[in-house]
Amino acid sequence: MEQMETVLSRLSEIEDAAVSLEAQAAEQKKEIAAEYEAKTKAFEKELDAQTQEKLKNLNAKLKTEAENQLLKMRIETERELNAIEQEYSQNHQKLAEGIFRKLIGE
């Protein structure tokens, strides 16, 4: 009978140890999950910051390129207007005479 009690006592100790190990494993699992979640959030935050920085740089580059294109267009337009004005100032009498002759049918 004493042997039976010893066996039962030993089985009870083993069961208690198994329950304790299960509890520890569950706690470790929670800790690992929390750590994984924190690392994931930190990674996402870092990735978002990098993405925002790249977008900021890209937008600045595109804005600069657009401003440069606009400046080139302004310069070209001014050059063409100056050429037209110069042509007109040098030849306005001839142009007026040509228009007048077309109007009167010559």
Protein backbone atom coordinates (compact mmCIF):
# COMPACT_ATOMS: atom_id res chain seq x y z
CA MET A 1 0.00 0.00 0.00
CA GLU A 2 2.82 2.29 0.83
CA GLN A 3 4.31 1.65 -2.58
CA MET A 4 1.03 2.62 -4.17
CA GLU A 5 0.99 5.88 -2.24
CA THR A 6 4.58 6.54 -3.28
CA VAL A 7 3.70 5.88 -6.91
CA LEU A 8 0.62 8.10 -6.66
CA SER A 9 2.64 10.80 -4.92
CA ARG A 10 5.32 10.58 -7.57
CA LEU A 11 2.68 10.74 -10.34
CA SER A 12 1.17 13.77 -8.66
CA GLU A 13 4.59 15.47 -8.52
CA ILE A 14 5.16 14.66 -12.19
CA GLU A 15 1.74 16.06 -13.07
CA ASP A 16 2.41 19.21 -11.04
CA ALA A 17 5.76 19.61 -12.79
CA ALA A 18 4.10 19.10 -16.18
CA VAL A 19 1.44 21.71 -15.37
CA SER A 20 4.16 24.08 -14.20
CA LEU A 21 6.13 23.51 -17.41
CA GLU A 22 2.98 24.12 -19.48
CA ALA A 23 2.35 27.38 -17.60
CA GLN A 24 5.97 28.47 -18.15
CA ALA A 25 5.73 27.56 -21.82
CA ALA A 26 2.49 29.55 -22.17
CA GLU A 27 4.11 32.54 -20.43
CA GLN A 28 7.20 32.31 -22.68
CA LYS A 29 4.92 32.07 -25.68
CA LYS A 30 3.15 35.28 -24.60
CA GLU A 31 6.49 37.03 -24.04
CA ILE A 32 7.80 35.91 -27.43
CA ALA A 33 4.57 37.01 -29.11
CA ALA A 34 4.76 40.41 -27.39
CA GLU A 35 8.43 40.77 -28.38
CA TYR A 36 7.62 39.78 -31.96
CA GLU A 37 4.75 42.28 -32.03
CA ALA A 38 7.01 45.05 -30.70
CA LYS A 39 9.72 44.24 -33.25
CA THR A 40 7.14 44.14 -36.04
CA LYS A 41 5.76 47.55 -35.02
CA ALA A 42 9.27 48.99 -34.79
CA PHE A 43 10.12 47.60 -38.23
CA GLU A 44 6.90 48.99 -39.72
CA LYS A 45 7.58 52.37 -38.10
CA GLU A 46 11.13 52.43 -39.48
CA LEU A 47 9.93 51.32 -42.90
CA ASP A 48 7.25 54.01 -42.88
CA ALA A 49 9.82 56.65 -41.90
CA GLN A 50 12.12 55.53 -44.71
CA THR A 51 9.25 55.54 -47.19
CA GLN A 52 8.19 59.03 -46.11
CA GLU A 53 11.78 60.27 -46.47
CA LYS A 54 12.08 58.76 -49.95
CA LEU A 55 8.73 60.29 -50.96
CA LYS A 56 9.84 63.66 -49.58
CA ASN A 57 13.08 63.48 -51.57
CA LEU A 58 11.28 62.34 -54.71
CA ASN A 59 8.72 65.14 -54.41
CA ALA A 60 11.51 67.69 -53.93
CA LYS A 61 13.34 66.32 -56.97
CA LEU A 62 10.18 66.39 -59.10
CA LYS A 63 9.39 69.92 -57.95
CA THR A 64 12.90 71.07 -58.86
CA GLU A 65 12.67 69.40 -62.27
CA ALA A 66 9.28 71.02 -62.89
CA GLU A 67 10.62 74.42 -61.88
CA ASN A 68 13.61 73.96 -64.19
CA GLN A 69 11.35 72.98 -67.09
CA LEU A 70 9.12 75.99 -66.42
CA LEU A 71 12.15 78.28 -66.35
CA LYS A 72 13.38 76.86 -69.66
CA MET A 73 9.94 77.39 -71.17
CA ARG A 74 9.84 80.99 -69.93
CA ILE A 75 13.28 81.70 -71.34
CA GLU A 76 12.34 80.13 -74.69
CA THR A 77 9.06 82.06 -74.81
CA GLU A 78 10.83 85.32 -74.01
CA ARG A 79 13.42 84.60 -76.69
CA GLU A 80 10.72 83.93 -79.26
CA LEU A 81 8.76 87.04 -78.26
CA ASN A 82 11.92 89.13 -78.53
CA ALA A 83 12.59 87.70 -81.97
CA ILE A 84 9.01 88.48 -83.06
CA GLU A 85 9.24 92.02 -81.65
CA GLN A 86 12.57 92.57 -83.37
CA GLU A 87 11.15 91.26 -86.66
CA TYR A 88 8.15 93.55 -86.29
CA SER A 89 10.21 96.63 -85.38
CA GLN A 90 12.51 96.06 -88.37
CA ASN A 91 9.81 95.20 -90.89
CA HIS A 92 6.56 96.71 -89.64
CA GLN A 93 6.36 99.15 -92.54
CA LYS A 94 6.74 96.34 -95.08
CA LEU A 95 4.25 94.16 -93.22
CA ALA A 96 1.69 96.99 -93.05
CA GLU A 97 2.12 97.70 -96.75
CA GLY A 98 1.66 94.01 -97.58
CA ILE A 99 -1.52 93.82 -95.53
CA PHE A 100 -2.81 97.05 -97.07
CA ARG A 101 -2.17 95.76 -100.61
CA LYS A 102 -4.00 92.51 -99.87
CA LEU A 103 -6.94 94.46 -98.52
CA ILE A 104 -7.21 96.67 -101.58
CA GLY A 105 -6.70 93.74 -103.90
CA GLU A 106 -3.32 94.42 -105.40
